[in-house]
C-alpha atoms as a PDB file:
ATOM      1  CA  UNK A   1     -10.417   3.779  -5.835  1.00  0.00           C
ATOM      2  CA  UNK A   2     -13.371   5.712  -7.150  1.00  0.00           C
ATOM      3  CA  UNK A   3     -15.074   5.114 -10.473  1.00  0.00           C
ATOM      4  CA  UNK A   4     -15.827   8.450 -12.114  1.00  0.00           C
ATOM      5  CA  UNK A   5     -18.047   9.575 -14.992  1.00  0.00           C
ATOM      6  CA  UNK A   6     -15.835  12.383 -16.273  1.00  0.00           C
ATOM      7  CA  UNK A   7     -12.141  11.910 -15.539  1.00  0.00           C
ATOM      8  CA  UNK A   8     -11.037  15.432 -16.421  1.00  0.00           C
ATOM      9  CA  UNK A   9     -13.770  17.014 -14.300  1.00  0.00           C
ATOM     10  CA  UNK A  10     -12.806  14.804 -11.354  1.00  0.00           C
ATOM     11  CA  UNK A  11      -9.085  15.515 -11.783  1.00  0.00           C
ATOM     12  CA  UNK A  12      -9.825  19.236 -11.897  1.00  0.00           C
ATOM     13  CA  UNK A  13     -11.931  18.948  -8.710  1.00  0.00           C
ATOM     14  CA  UNK A  14      -9.278  17.088  -6.695  1.00  0.00           C
ATOM     15  CA  UNK A  15      -6.350  19.202  -7.926  1.00  0.00           C
ATOM     16  CA  UNK A  16      -8.034  22.598  -7.549  1.00  0.00           C
ATOM     17  CA  UNK A  17     -10.141  21.972  -4.465  1.00  0.00           C
ATOM     18  CA  UNK A  18      -7.783  19.774  -2.455  1.00  0.00           C
ATOM     19  CA  UNK A  19      -4.425  20.737  -3.981  1.00  0.00           C
ATOM     20  CA  UNK A  20      -3.608  17.195  -5.094  1.00  0.00           C
ATOM     21  CA  UNK A  21      -1.243  16.477  -7.984  1.00  0.00           C
ATOM     22  CA  UNK A  22      -1.709  13.976 -10.784  1.00  0.00           C
ATOM     23  CA  UNK A  23       1.047  11.477 -10.038  1.00  0.00           C
ATOM     24  CA  UNK A  24       0.444   9.267 -13.050  1.00  0.00           C
ATOM     25  CA  UNK A  25      -2.253   8.462 -15.570  1.00  0.00           C
ATOM     26  CA  UNK A  26      -2.526   5.621 -18.062  1.00  0.00           C
ATOM     27  CA  UNK A  27      -5.018   4.576 -20.732  1.00  0.00           C
ATOM     28  CA  UNK A  28      -5.819   0.890 -21.241  1.00  0.00           C
ATOM     29  CA  UNK A  29      -7.324   0.874 -24.756  1.00  0.00           C
ATOM     30  CA  UNK A  30      -7.834  -2.897 -24.978  1.00  0.00           C
ATOM     31  CA  UNK A  31      -9.968  -2.874 -21.821  1.00  0.00           C
ATOM     32  CA  UNK A  32     -11.345   0.640 -22.508  1.00  0.00           C
ATOM     33  CA  UNK A  33     -10.519   2.417 -19.264  1.00  0.00           C
ATOM     34  CA  UNK A  34      -8.137   5.009 -17.833  1.00  0.00           C
ATOM     35  CA  UNK A  35      -6.538   5.104 -14.399  1.00  0.00           C
ATOM     36  CA  UNK A  36      -5.355   8.317 -12.777  1.00  0.00           C
ATOM     37  CA  UNK A  37      -3.480   8.430  -9.487  1.00  0.00           C
ATOM     38  CA  UNK A  38      -3.602  11.640  -7.445  1.00  0.00           C
ATOM     39  CA  UNK A  39      -1.854  12.570  -4.225  1.00  0.00           C
ATOM     40  CA  UNK A  40       0.396  14.965  -2.348  1.00  0.00           C
ATOM     41  CA  UNK A  41       3.699  13.210  -2.774  1.00  0.00           C
ATOM     42  CA  UNK A  42       5.448  10.029  -3.879  1.00  0.00           C
ATOM     43  CA  UNK A  43       3.274   6.927  -3.750  1.00  0.00           C
ATOM     44  CA  UNK A  44       5.783   5.069  -1.585  1.00  0.00           C
ATOM     45  CA  UNK A  45       5.323   7.569   1.240  1.00  0.00           C
ATOM     46  CA  UNK A  46       1.904   9.195   0.745  1.00  0.00           C
ATOM     47  CA  UNK A  47      -1.697   8.120   0.421  1.00  0.00           C
ATOM     48  CA  UNK A  48      -2.926   8.069  -3.169  1.00  0.00           C
ATOM     49  CA  UNK A  49      -6.411   8.354  -4.622  1.00  0.00           C
ATOM     50  CA  UNK A  50      -7.036   6.184  -7.667  1.00  0.00           C
ATOM     51  CA  UNK A  51      -9.674   7.378 -10.132  1.00  0.00           C
ATOM     52  CA  UNK A  52     -10.984   4.894 -12.684  1.00  0.00           C
ATOM     53  CA  UNK A  53     -12.791   5.997 -15.818  1.00  0.00           C
ATOM     54  CA  UNK A  54     -14.455   3.169 -17.765  1.00  0.00           C
ATOM     55  CA  UNK A  55     -14.879   4.584 -21.263  1.00  0.00           C
ATOM     56  CA  UNK A  56     -18.192   2.893 -22.042  1.00  0.00           C
ATOM     57  CA  UNK A  57     -19.980   3.611 -18.769  1.00  0.00           C
ATOM     58  CA  UNK A  58     -22.125   6.727 -18.744  1.00  0.00           C
ATOM     59  CA  UNK A  59     -23.206   6.827 -15.096  1.00  0.00           C
ATOM     60  CA  UNK A  60     -22.606   5.277 -11.678  1.00  0.00           C
ATOM     61  CA  UNK A  61     -24.576   5.229  -8.436  1.00  0.00           C
ATOM     62  CA  UNK A  62     -22.414   5.811  -5.376  1.00  0.00           C
ATOM     63  CA  UNK A  63     -22.018   2.271  -4.027  1.00  0.00           C
ATOM     64  CA  UNK A  64     -23.921   1.155  -0.966  1.00  0.00           C
ATOM     65  CA  UNK A  65     -20.741  -0.293   0.595  1.00  0.00           C
ATOM     66  CA  UNK A  66     -18.771   2.911   0.108  1.00  0.00           C
ATOM     67  CA  UNK A  67     -18.872   5.412   2.957  1.00  0.00           C
ATOM     68  CA  UNK A  68     -16.622   8.371   2.250  1.00  0.00           C
ATOM     69  CA  UNK A  69     -13.086   9.655   1.912  1.00  0.00           C
ATOM     70  CA  UNK A  70     -11.806  11.692   4.884  1.00  0.00           C
ATOM     71  CA  UNK A  71      -9.261  14.499   5.086  1.00  0.00           C
ATOM     72  CA  UNK A  72      -7.770  16.085   8.183  1.00  0.00           C
ATOM     73  CA  UNK A  73      -7.640  19.874   7.826  1.00  0.00           C
ATOM     74  CA  UNK A  74      -6.165  22.607  10.046  1.00  0.00           C
ATOM     75  CA  UNK A  75      -8.964  25.167   9.671  1.00  0.00           C
ATOM     76  CA  UNK A  76     -12.257  23.601   8.620  1.00  0.00           C
ATOM     77  CA  UNK A  77     -14.063  26.918   8.109  1.00  0.00           C
ATOM     78  CA  UNK A  78     -11.349  28.284   5.809  1.00  0.00           C
ATOM     79  CA  UNK A  79     -11.239  24.949   3.977  1.00  0.00           C
ATOM     80  CA  UNK A  80     -15.020  24.993   3.359  1.00  0.00           C
ATOM     81  CA  UNK A  81     -14.834  28.594   2.140  1.00  0.00           C
ATOM     82  CA  UNK A  82     -12.064  27.611  -0.285  1.00  0.00           C
ATOM     83  CA  UNK A  83     -14.050  24.618  -1.550  1.00  0.00           C
ATOM     84  CA  UNK A  84     -17.135  26.759  -2.183  1.00  0.00           C
ATOM     85  CA  UNK A  85     -15.026  29.448  -3.893  1.00  0.00           C
ATOM     86  CA  UNK A  86     -13.775  26.729  -6.271  1.00  0.00           C
ATOM     87  CA  UNK A  87     -17.355  25.710  -7.084  1.00  0.00           C
ATOM     88  CA  UNK A  88     -17.437  22.754  -4.674  1.00  0.00           C
ATOM     89  CA  UNK A  89     -20.516  21.858  -2.686  1.00  0.00           C
ATOM     90  CA  UNK A  90     -20.435  21.730   1.124  1.00  0.00           C
ATOM     91  CA  UNK A  91     -23.445  19.580   2.094  1.00  0.00           C
ATOM     92  CA  UNK A  92     -22.876  19.620   5.853  1.00  0.00           C
ATOM     93  CA  UNK A  93     -21.507  22.844   7.275  1.00  0.00           C
ATOM     94  CA  UNK A  94     -18.707  22.641   9.844  1.00  0.00           C
ATOM     95  CA  UNK A  95     -19.949  21.649  13.265  1.00  0.00           C
ATOM     96  CA  UNK A  96     -19.518  19.134  16.056  1.00  0.00           C
ATOM     97  CA  UNK A  97     -20.069  15.443  15.448  1.00  0.00           C
ATOM     98  CA  UNK A  98     -23.423  14.169  16.628  1.00  0.00           C
ATOM     99  CA  UNK A  99     -21.942  11.599  18.997  1.00  0.00           C
ATOM    100  CA  UNK A 100     -18.711  13.369  19.964  1.00  0.00           C
ATOM    101  CA  UNK A 101     -18.679  17.140  20.217  1.00  0.00           C
ATOM    102  CA  UNK A 102     -14.877  17.162  20.518  1.00  0.00           C
ATOM    103  CA  UNK A 103     -14.520  16.695  16.749  1.00  0.00           C
ATOM    104  CA  UNK A 104     -15.625  19.320  14.236  1.00  0.00           C
ATOM    105  CA  UNK A 105     -16.519  17.897  10.840  1.00  0.00           C
ATOM    106  CA  UNK A 106     -18.046  18.919   7.519  1.00  0.00           C
ATOM    107  CA  UNK A 107     -19.002  17.045   4.358  1.00  0.00           C
ATOM    108  CA  UNK A 108     -18.401  17.923   0.711  1.00  0.00           C
ATOM    109  CA  UNK A 109     -19.643  16.182  -2.452  1.00  0.00           C
ATOM    110  CA  UNK A 110     -17.328  15.537  -5.372  1.00  0.00           C
ATOM    111  CA  UNK A 111     -18.568  15.733  -9.000  1.00  0.00           C
ATOM    112  CA  UNK A 112     -19.809  12.122  -8.884  1.00  0.00           C
ATOM    113  CA  UNK A 113     -21.722  12.496  -5.609  1.00  0.00           C
ATOM    114  CA  UNK A 114     -19.126  10.827  -3.381  1.00  0.00           C
ATOM    115  CA  UNK A 115     -18.939  12.210   0.147  1.00  0.00           C
ATOM    116  CA  UNK A 116     -15.711  13.686   1.444  1.00  0.00           C
ATOM    117  CA  UNK A 117     -15.504  14.245   5.188  1.00  0.00           C
ATOM    118  CA  UNK A 118     -13.365  17.056   6.542  1.00  0.00           C
ATOM    119  CA  UNK A 119     -12.135  16.625  10.122  1.00  0.00           C
ATOM    120  CA  UNK A 120     -10.658  19.647  11.846  1.00  0.00           C
ATOM    121  CA  UNK A 121      -7.185  18.883  13.189  1.00  0.00           C
ATOM    122  CA  UNK A 122      -5.507  22.191  14.108  1.00  0.00           C
ATOM    123  CA  UNK A 123      -2.293  20.400  15.051  1.00  0.00           C
ATOM    124  CA  UNK A 124      -1.581  19.422  11.431  1.00  0.00           C
ATOM    125  CA  UNK A 125       1.564  20.981  10.018  1.00  0.00           C
END
């Protein structure tokens, strides 16, 4: 779950940049927040990202206990080009990991400053 400042901007980022779909969204007026669930398929068989928008909160700092979300991608260079073409920000260009040059990774920031790691996995179908 990620807490986001602007729900529509975050939904647009994850749907356009990563091709996710909004699976469900619900407002909780009494508690003044909205939950949106995004993913690639049914929740019973796919990983889902939960976005929480607290209506009365203007800003968040990325939490110190939160690391990042990671995605396996077939072609990391093409993926980074797509992200930048959609207005996304690649903050670490594709390259080998510092401690293991077998893995090629990159990092992207979402609209709230959360890091998203891309890990090249050519065998993905």
